Amino acid sequence: MRRTPMQNQLLAALPRATYDRLLPNLELVALPRGLAIYEPGSTQDYAIFPVSSIISILTLLKNGSSPEVAVIGNDGVVGLALVMGGAAATNTQGMVQSAGHGYRIPAYVLRAAFDAEPDLRDLLLRYAMALSTQMSQTAACNRFHKVDQQVCRLLLMCMDRWASNRLSLTHERIGNLLGVRREGVTESSRSLAAAGLISYWRGCVTVLDRAGLEARVCECYEHVRNETDRLLPQAALQAAG
């Protein structure tokens, strides 16, 4: 499959002239599973626009747990701190959850383009608002909703950012991302499989009935999706097309 930056929804939503000015600085890179895009306190030299990978934004806690606070795929960019007033991450880590590819751009180029290109600046600021909504809703969901609802939300959000209904996720990994016990994830997975919504085999989840997951998930998923579509209508239209 031929890869192109246009497979990233943000880049595809830019006016053609703005996109063409960014294009010479976009470099295709492999994103293997488990790769740390950035570490807490580290300086970010590049921003990455994923096209075929999923990157988890994790909060690292002193007890060793690392719950997921956001998921970024072909809908967005990793490295907003570069244009939001800081080049270093605070207490979060960017980790590749599902292997694939993305396009990276040097930090200094993105900062210069952010200042010089009004369309890019507007798009990234709106994306920052959508990402903030995702983070706040994820925090509420992980605190108040049932494990099977959280699992449904995670699977649906990954599918929205991944061109397949097959996700490489073990029960242990899902538990770590949600901040819940593996046993709870296993029980929820069995319930979803018994309902014919998913199948699970050797660390791979296959979604069989997306509509069924959407009927079972809590309101958090719809809220994030609706807010993203409101803030990024051009990107949403590109994804639908």
Protein backbone atom coordinates (compact mmCIF):
# COMPACT_ATOMS: atom_id res chain seq x y z
CA MET A 1 0.00 0.00 0.00
CA ARG A 2 1.42 3.36 -1.02
CA ARG A 3 1.69 5.76 1.90
CA THR A 4 1.10 9.47 1.66
CA PRO A 5 0.79 12.30 4.22
CA MET A 6 -2.78 12.80 2.98
CA GLN A 7 -3.71 9.65 4.91
CA ASN A 8 -3.48 11.79 8.04
CA GLN A 9 -6.77 13.63 8.50
CA LEU A 10 -5.23 16.86 9.77
CA LEU A 11 -2.81 17.15 6.88
CA ALA A 12 -5.55 16.22 4.42
CA ALA A 13 -7.80 18.97 5.82
CA LEU A 14 -5.25 21.71 5.10
CA PRO A 15 -5.63 23.97 2.05
CA ARG A 16 -3.55 22.61 -0.80
CA ALA A 17 -1.11 25.54 -0.79
CA THR A 18 -0.41 25.12 2.93
CA TYR A 19 -0.01 21.37 2.54
CA ASP A 20 2.40 21.81 -0.36
CA ARG A 21 4.60 24.11 1.71
CA LEU A 22 4.80 21.52 4.51
CA LEU A 23 5.31 18.52 2.22
CA PRO A 24 9.11 18.83 1.64
CA ASN A 25 9.64 18.67 5.42
CA LEU A 26 7.48 15.59 6.04
CA GLU A 27 9.53 12.40 6.41
CA LEU A 28 8.00 8.92 6.44
CA VAL A 29 9.11 6.92 9.51
CA ALA A 30 8.35 3.44 10.83
CA LEU A 31 6.65 3.33 14.23
CA PRO A 32 7.24 -0.10 15.79
CA ARG A 33 5.05 -1.21 18.67
CA GLY A 34 6.45 -0.18 22.04
CA LEU A 35 8.49 2.73 20.67
CA ALA A 36 8.54 5.69 23.05
CA ILE A 37 7.88 8.77 20.92
CA TYR A 38 8.81 10.94 23.88
CA GLU A 39 9.47 10.57 27.60
CA PRO A 40 8.46 12.81 30.53
CA GLY A 41 10.73 15.83 30.66
CA SER A 42 12.39 15.08 27.34
CA THR A 43 12.76 17.63 24.58
CA GLN A 44 10.74 16.82 21.48
CA ASP A 45 12.70 17.39 18.29
CA TYR A 46 9.89 16.27 15.97
CA ALA A 47 6.12 16.17 15.76
CA ILE A 48 4.58 13.07 14.21
CA PHE A 49 1.45 12.81 12.07
CA PRO A 50 0.46 9.10 12.20
CA VAL A 51 -1.03 7.52 9.08
CA SER A 52 -1.21 3.83 10.00
CA SER A 53 -0.37 3.53 13.69
CA ILE A 54 -1.96 4.23 17.05
CA ILE A 55 -0.07 6.13 19.73
CA SER A 56 -1.15 6.17 23.36
CA ILE A 57 -0.53 9.18 25.56
CA LEU A 58 0.19 7.74 29.00
CA THR A 59 0.45 9.27 32.45
CA LEU A 60 3.28 7.64 34.40
CA LEU A 61 2.57 7.16 38.11
CA LYS A 62 4.99 6.43 40.96
CA ASN A 63 3.45 2.99 41.55
CA GLY A 64 4.52 1.93 38.05
CA SER A 65 1.10 2.09 36.41
CA SER A 66 0.63 4.03 33.18
CA PRO A 67 -3.03 4.66 32.36
CA GLU A 68 -3.91 6.03 28.95
CA VAL A 69 -5.26 9.59 28.85
CA ALA A 70 -5.56 9.92 25.07
CA VAL A 71 -5.21 7.93 21.87
CA ILE A 72 -3.89 9.44 18.65
CA GLY A 73 -3.96 7.88 15.21
CA ASN A 74 -4.51 9.14 11.70
CA ASP A 75 -6.85 11.75 13.16
CA GLY A 76 -4.15 13.88 14.72
CA VAL A 77 -0.58 14.75 15.64
CA VAL A 78 1.79 13.85 18.46
CA GLY A 79 3.78 16.85 19.62
CA LEU A 80 1.33 19.69 20.19
CA ALA A 81 3.57 20.94 23.01
CA LEU A 82 5.93 22.17 20.31
CA VAL A 83 3.48 24.87 19.26
CA MET A 84 1.68 25.38 22.57
CA GLY A 85 4.50 27.04 24.45
CA GLY A 86 6.90 24.23 25.33
CA ALA A 87 9.17 21.71 23.63
CA ALA A 88 9.31 19.32 26.57
CA ALA A 89 6.66 16.93 27.86
CA THR A 90 5.65 17.09 31.52
CA ASN A 91 4.37 13.91 33.13
CA THR A 92 3.19 12.08 30.00
CA GLN A 93 4.75 9.57 27.64
CA GLY A 94 3.92 8.94 23.99
CA MET A 95 4.04 5.19 23.26
CA VAL A 96 3.26 3.37 20.03
CA GLN A 97 0.41 0.98 20.79
CA SER A 98 -0.15 -0.41 17.29
CA ALA A 99 2.75 -0.54 14.83
CA GLY A 100 2.61 1.35 11.57
CA HIS A 101 3.96 4.51 9.99
CA GLY A 102 3.77 8.25 10.35
CA TYR A 103 5.26 11.41 8.95
CA ARG A 104 7.55 13.42 11.17
CA ILE A 105 8.37 17.09 10.84
CA PRO A 106 11.19 18.94 12.64
CA ALA A 107 10.07 21.00 15.63
CA TYR A 108 11.50 24.24 14.30
CA VAL A 109 9.71 23.81 10.96
CA LEU A 110 6.35 23.17 12.62
CA ARG A 111 6.76 26.14 14.96
CA ALA A 112 7.62 28.43 12.04
CA ALA A 113 4.67 27.13 10.01
CA PHE A 114 2.35 27.55 13.01
CA ASP A 115 3.32 31.23 13.18
CA ALA A 116 3.22 31.84 9.42
CA GLU A 117 0.26 29.72 8.27
CA PRO A 118 -3.13 30.84 9.69
CA ASP A 119 -4.95 27.76 8.38
CA LEU A 120 -2.49 25.40 10.05
CA ARG A 121 -2.59 27.38 13.28
CA ASP A 122 -6.40 27.33 13.38
CA LEU A 123 -6.51 23.60 12.65
CA LEU A 124 -3.97 22.69 15.34
CA LEU A 125 -5.66 24.87 17.94
CA ARG A 126 -9.00 23.21 17.23
CA TYR A 127 -7.34 19.81 17.39
CA ALA A 128 -5.85 20.77 20.78
CA MET A 129 -9.37 21.50 22.03
CA ALA A 130 -10.61 18.13 20.73
CA LEU A 131 -7.70 16.35 22.40
CA SER A 132 -8.40 18.15 25.67
CA THR A 133 -12.00 16.95 25.49
CA GLN A 134 -10.82 13.40 24.92
CA MET A 135 -8.50 13.57 27.94
CA SER A 136 -11.11 14.99 30.31
CA GLN A 137 -13.77 12.52 29.16
CA THR A 138 -11.34 9.61 29.50
CA ALA A 139 -10.61 10.61 33.10
CA ALA A 140 -14.33 10.71 33.91
CA CYS A 141 -15.01 7.43 32.12
CA ASN A 142 -12.21 5.57 33.92
CA ARG A 143 -13.54 6.81 37.26
CA PHE A 144 -17.28 6.29 36.93
CA HIS A 145 -18.14 3.75 34.23
CA LYS A 146 -18.13 -0.03 34.15
CA VAL A 147 -15.12 -1.92 32.83
CA ASP A 148 -17.00 -3.36 29.85
CA GLN A 149 -18.09 0.17 28.86
CA GLN A 150 -14.49 1.35 29.12
CA VAL A 151 -13.32 -1.56 26.98
CA CYS A 152 -15.94 -0.73 24.34
CA ARG A 153 -14.83 2.90 24.35
CA LEU A 154 -11.18 1.96 23.94
CA LEU A 155 -11.90 -0.42 21.05
CA LEU A 156 -14.13 2.07 19.24
CA MET A 157 -11.67 4.94 19.62
CA CYS A 158 -8.86 2.75 18.31
CA MET A 159 -10.97 1.67 15.32
CA ASP A 160 -11.71 5.32 14.48
CA ARG A 161 -7.96 5.85 14.15
CA TRP A 162 -7.00 2.51 12.57
CA ALA A 163 -7.89 1.15 9.14
CA SER A 164 -8.85 -2.31 10.37
CA ASN A 165 -11.27 -4.10 12.70
CA ARG A 166 -8.35 -6.12 14.12
CA LEU A 167 -6.45 -4.63 17.04
CA SER A 168 -3.30 -6.01 18.63
CA LEU A 169 -4.26 -5.70 22.30
CA THR A 170 -3.74 -8.21 25.09
CA HIS A 171 -5.98 -8.24 28.16
CA GLU A 172 -3.03 -7.15 30.24
CA ARG A 173 -2.34 -4.23 27.92
CA ILE A 174 -5.99 -3.11 27.94
CA GLY A 175 -5.96 -3.31 31.75
CA ASN A 176 -2.85 -1.15 31.92
CA LEU A 177 -4.32 1.43 29.53
CA LEU A 178 -7.57 1.64 31.48
CA GLY A 179 -5.98 1.37 34.92
CA VAL A 180 -8.05 -1.69 35.87
CA ARG A 181 -7.25 -5.28 36.83
CA ARG A 182 -6.57 -7.75 34.05
CA GLU A 183 -9.22 -10.09 35.48
CA GLY A 184 -11.87 -7.43 34.94
CA VAL A 185 -10.82 -7.01 31.31
CA THR A 186 -10.87 -10.78 30.76
CA GLU A 187 -14.39 -10.99 32.18
CA SER A 188 -15.57 -8.10 30.02
CA SER A 189 -13.93 -9.59 26.93
CA ARG A 190 -15.71 -12.89 27.49
CA SER A 191 -19.03 -11.07 27.87
CA LEU A 192 -18.49 -9.12 24.65
CA ALA A 193 -17.43 -12.27 22.81
CA ALA A 194 -20.46 -14.19 24.09
CA ALA A 195 -22.66 -11.41 22.70
CA GLY A 196 -20.97 -11.81 19.30
CA LEU A 197 -19.42 -8.34 19.38
CA ILE A 198 -15.75 -9.32 19.37
CA SER A 199 -13.45 -12.31 19.13
CA TYR A 200 -10.12 -12.63 20.91
CA TRP A 201 -7.18 -14.83 19.96
CA ARG A 202 -3.58 -14.65 21.11
CA GLY A 203 -3.46 -10.96 21.89
CA CYS A 204 -5.56 -9.87 18.94
CA VAL A 205 -9.06 -8.40 19.28
CA THR A 206 -11.30 -8.54 16.21
CA VAL A 207 -14.41 -6.37 16.26
CA LEU A 208 -17.27 -8.35 14.71
CA ASP A 209 -20.17 -6.00 15.41
CA ARG A 210 -19.29 -2.31 15.64
CA ALA A 211 -22.91 -1.23 15.98
CA GLY A 212 -23.25 -3.60 18.91
CA LEU A 213 -20.28 -2.01 20.63
CA GLU A 214 -21.73 1.45 20.03
CA ALA A 215 -25.01 0.34 21.60
CA ARG A 216 -23.18 -0.96 24.68
CA VAL A 217 -20.61 1.82 25.20
CA CYS A 218 -21.17 4.68 27.66
CA GLU A 219 -21.89 8.25 26.53
CA CYS A 220 -18.19 9.18 26.69
CA TYR A 221 -17.42 7.80 23.24
CA GLU A 222 -20.24 9.69 21.51
CA HIS A 223 -19.38 12.90 23.36
CA VAL A 224 -15.74 12.79 22.23
CA ARG A 225 -16.68 11.88 18.66
CA ASN A 226 -19.32 14.63 18.41
CA GLU A 227 -16.98 17.26 19.83
CA THR A 228 -14.21 16.19 17.46
CA ASP A 229 -16.57 16.40 14.48
CA ARG A 230 -17.71 19.85 15.63
CA LEU A 231 -14.19 21.20 16.02
CA LEU A 232 -12.69 19.48 12.99
CA PRO A 233 -15.46 19.25 10.36
CA GLN A 234 -13.03 19.23 7.43
CA ALA A 235 -11.04 16.37 8.92
CA ALA A 236 -14.26 14.49 9.67
CA LEU A 237 -15.41 14.87 6.06
CA GLN A 238 -12.03 13.67 4.81
CA ALA A 239 -12.26 10.58 7.03
CA ALA A 240 -15.78 9.84 5.81
CA GLY A 241 -14.65 10.15 2.21
